[in-house]
Amino acid sequence: MTLPTAINAGSIAAGFGVAAGTGALFLFGEVPRVRNDILRQLPFFDTYFDRTIAPEDNPF
């Protein structure tokens, strides 16, 4: 395997890895542990993944 071939294969693998990681994060985004520990730490997704219940809607 030559260096240009390795660079090309590495960039393709990195692209697939980023796509798979992003898909997995949004697939498991409804799991509270993933949502609170990972996704709410990102700056723009903090308010998007905020699932707090308003006090007037809480039955308890």
N, C-alpha and C. Protein backbone atom coordinates (compact mmCIF):
# COMPACT_ATOMS: atom_id res chain seq x y z
N MET A 1 0.85 -1.17 0.00
CA MET A 1 0.00 0.00 0.00
C MET A 1 0.90 1.23 0.00
N THR A 2 0.66 2.11 -0.92
CA THR A 2 1.46 3.33 -1.01
C THR A 2 0.84 4.41 -0.13
N LEU A 3 1.60 5.46 0.07
CA LEU A 3 1.14 6.56 0.93
C LEU A 3 -0.12 7.24 0.40
N PRO A 4 -0.20 7.58 -0.90
CA PRO A 4 -1.45 8.21 -1.37
C PRO A 4 -2.68 7.29 -1.23
N THR A 5 -2.48 6.00 -1.42
CA THR A 5 -3.59 5.06 -1.25
C THR A 5 -4.02 5.01 0.21
N ALA A 6 -3.06 5.02 1.12
CA ALA A 6 -3.37 5.00 2.55
C ALA A 6 -4.08 6.28 2.98
N ILE A 7 -3.66 7.41 2.44
CA ILE A 7 -4.32 8.68 2.77
C ILE A 7 -5.75 8.69 2.25
N ASN A 8 -5.94 8.19 1.04
CA ASN A 8 -7.29 8.14 0.47
C ASN A 8 -8.19 7.20 1.27
N ALA A 9 -7.69 6.04 1.61
CA ALA A 9 -8.48 5.09 2.40
C ALA A 9 -8.76 5.64 3.79
N GLY A 10 -7.80 6.32 4.38
CA GLY A 10 -8.00 6.91 5.70
C GLY A 10 -9.04 8.01 5.70
N SER A 11 -9.05 8.83 4.67
CA SER A 11 -10.05 9.90 4.61
C SER A 11 -11.45 9.33 4.39
N ILE A 12 -11.56 8.29 3.60
CA ILE A 12 -12.87 7.65 3.40
C ILE A 12 -13.34 7.01 4.70
N ALA A 13 -12.44 6.31 5.40
CA ALA A 13 -12.80 5.68 6.67
C ALA A 13 -13.18 6.72 7.72
N ALA A 14 -12.48 7.85 7.73
CA ALA A 14 -12.81 8.91 8.68
C ALA A 14 -14.20 9.49 8.39
N GLY A 15 -14.52 9.66 7.13
CA GLY A 15 -15.85 10.16 6.77
C GLY A 15 -16.95 9.22 7.21
N PHE A 16 -16.75 7.92 6.98
CA PHE A 16 -17.74 6.94 7.43
C PHE A 16 -17.82 6.91 8.95
N GLY A 17 -16.71 7.07 9.63
CA GLY A 17 -16.70 7.07 11.09
C GLY A 17 -17.45 8.25 11.67
N VAL A 18 -17.26 9.42 11.09
CA VAL A 18 -17.98 10.61 11.55
C VAL A 18 -19.48 10.45 11.31
N ALA A 19 -19.84 9.93 10.14
CA ALA A 19 -21.26 9.73 9.85
C ALA A 19 -21.88 8.70 10.79
N ALA A 20 -21.17 7.61 11.05
CA ALA A 20 -21.70 6.58 11.95
C ALA A 20 -21.80 7.10 13.39
N GLY A 21 -20.81 7.87 13.83
CA GLY A 21 -20.85 8.42 15.18
C GLY A 21 -21.96 9.42 15.36
N THR A 22 -22.16 10.28 14.38
CA THR A 22 -23.25 11.26 14.45
C THR A 22 -24.60 10.57 14.45
N GLY A 23 -24.75 9.57 13.59
CA GLY A 23 -26.00 8.82 13.55
C GLY A 23 -26.27 8.10 14.86
N ALA A 24 -25.24 7.52 15.46
CA ALA A 24 -25.42 6.81 16.73
C ALA A 24 -25.80 7.77 17.85
N LEU A 25 -25.20 8.95 17.86
CA LEU A 25 -25.55 9.93 18.90
C LEU A 25 -27.01 10.36 18.80
N PHE A 26 -27.47 10.61 17.59
CA PHE A 26 -28.86 11.02 17.45
C PHE A 26 -29.83 9.86 17.60
N LEU A 27 -29.39 8.64 17.30
CA LEU A 27 -30.23 7.47 17.52
C LEU A 27 -30.42 7.22 19.01
N PHE A 28 -29.34 7.34 19.77
CA PHE A 28 -29.41 7.14 21.21
C PHE A 28 -29.65 8.45 21.96
N GLY A 29 -30.08 9.48 21.28
CA GLY A 29 -30.30 10.78 21.90
C GLY A 29 -31.44 10.81 22.90
N GLU A 30 -32.33 9.84 22.83
CA GLU A 30 -33.45 9.80 23.76
C GLU A 30 -33.12 9.06 25.04
N VAL A 31 -31.97 8.41 25.09
CA VAL A 31 -31.52 7.76 26.32
C VAL A 31 -31.05 8.86 27.27
N PRO A 32 -31.61 8.95 28.47
CA PRO A 32 -31.29 10.09 29.35
C PRO A 32 -29.80 10.23 29.66
N ARG A 33 -29.09 9.13 29.80
CA ARG A 33 -27.66 9.20 30.12
C ARG A 33 -26.88 9.84 28.96
N VAL A 34 -27.18 9.43 27.74
CA VAL A 34 -26.50 10.00 26.56
C VAL A 34 -26.90 11.46 26.39
N ARG A 35 -28.18 11.74 26.56
CA ARG A 35 -28.67 13.12 26.36
C ARG A 35 -28.04 14.08 27.36
N ASN A 36 -27.98 13.68 28.64
CA ASN A 36 -27.47 14.61 29.65
C ASN A 36 -25.95 14.66 29.70
N ASP A 37 -25.28 13.54 29.50
CA ASP A 37 -23.83 13.51 29.65
C ASP A 37 -23.09 13.93 28.39
N ILE A 38 -23.67 13.71 27.21
CA ILE A 38 -22.94 13.99 25.97
C ILE A 38 -23.58 15.15 25.21
N LEU A 39 -24.85 15.00 24.87
CA LEU A 39 -25.46 15.95 23.93
C LEU A 39 -25.72 17.32 24.54
N ARG A 40 -26.01 17.39 25.83
CA ARG A 40 -26.26 18.70 26.44
C ARG A 40 -24.97 19.46 26.71
N GLN A 41 -23.82 18.84 26.51
CA GLN A 41 -22.55 19.52 26.68
C GLN A 41 -22.16 20.31 25.43
N LEU A 42 -22.80 20.03 24.30
CA LEU A 42 -22.53 20.76 23.07
C LEU A 42 -23.25 22.11 23.13
N PRO A 43 -22.62 23.19 22.68
CA PRO A 43 -23.16 24.53 22.90
C PRO A 43 -24.55 24.77 22.31
N PHE A 44 -24.79 24.37 21.07
CA PHE A 44 -26.05 24.72 20.42
C PHE A 44 -27.16 23.71 20.71
N PHE A 45 -26.81 22.53 21.19
CA PHE A 45 -27.80 21.50 21.46
C PHE A 45 -28.29 21.51 22.90
N ASP A 46 -27.79 22.40 23.72
CA ASP A 46 -28.16 22.42 25.13
C ASP A 46 -29.65 22.68 25.31
N THR A 47 -30.19 23.67 24.65
CA THR A 47 -31.61 23.97 24.80
C THR A 47 -32.48 23.02 23.99
N TYR A 48 -31.94 22.46 22.91
CA TYR A 48 -32.71 21.53 22.08
C TYR A 48 -32.99 20.23 22.82
N PHE A 49 -32.03 19.74 23.58
CA PHE A 49 -32.19 18.48 24.30
C PHE A 49 -32.61 18.69 25.75
N ASP A 50 -33.10 19.85 26.10
CA ASP A 50 -33.58 20.11 27.45
C ASP A 50 -34.99 19.55 27.59
N ARG A 51 -35.16 18.54 28.44
CA ARG A 51 -36.45 17.87 28.59
C ARG A 51 -37.04 18.10 29.98
N THR A 52 -36.89 19.29 30.51
CA THR A 52 -37.45 19.57 31.83
C THR A 52 -38.97 19.72 31.73
N ILE A 53 -39.65 19.32 32.77
CA ILE A 53 -41.11 19.40 32.83
C ILE A 53 -41.47 20.68 33.58
N ALA A 54 -42.37 21.44 33.00
CA ALA A 54 -42.81 22.68 33.65
C ALA A 54 -43.51 22.33 34.96
N PRO A 55 -43.37 23.16 35.99
CA PRO A 55 -43.99 22.84 37.29
C PRO A 55 -45.51 22.69 37.22
N GLU A 56 -46.16 23.42 36.36
CA GLU A 56 -47.61 23.31 36.27
C GLU A 56 -48.07 22.02 35.57
N ASP A 57 -47.15 21.36 34.84
CA ASP A 57 -47.49 20.10 34.18
C ASP A 57 -47.11 18.88 35.01
N ASN A 58 -46.43 19.08 36.10
CA ASN A 58 -46.00 17.97 36.95
C ASN A 58 -47.17 17.51 37.82
N PRO A 59 -47.57 16.24 37.74
CA PRO A 59 -48.73 15.79 38.51
C PRO A 59 -48.45 15.58 39.99
N PHE A 60 -47.20 15.62 40.39
CA PHE A 60 -46.88 15.32 41.79
C PHE A 60 -46.60 16.56 42.59
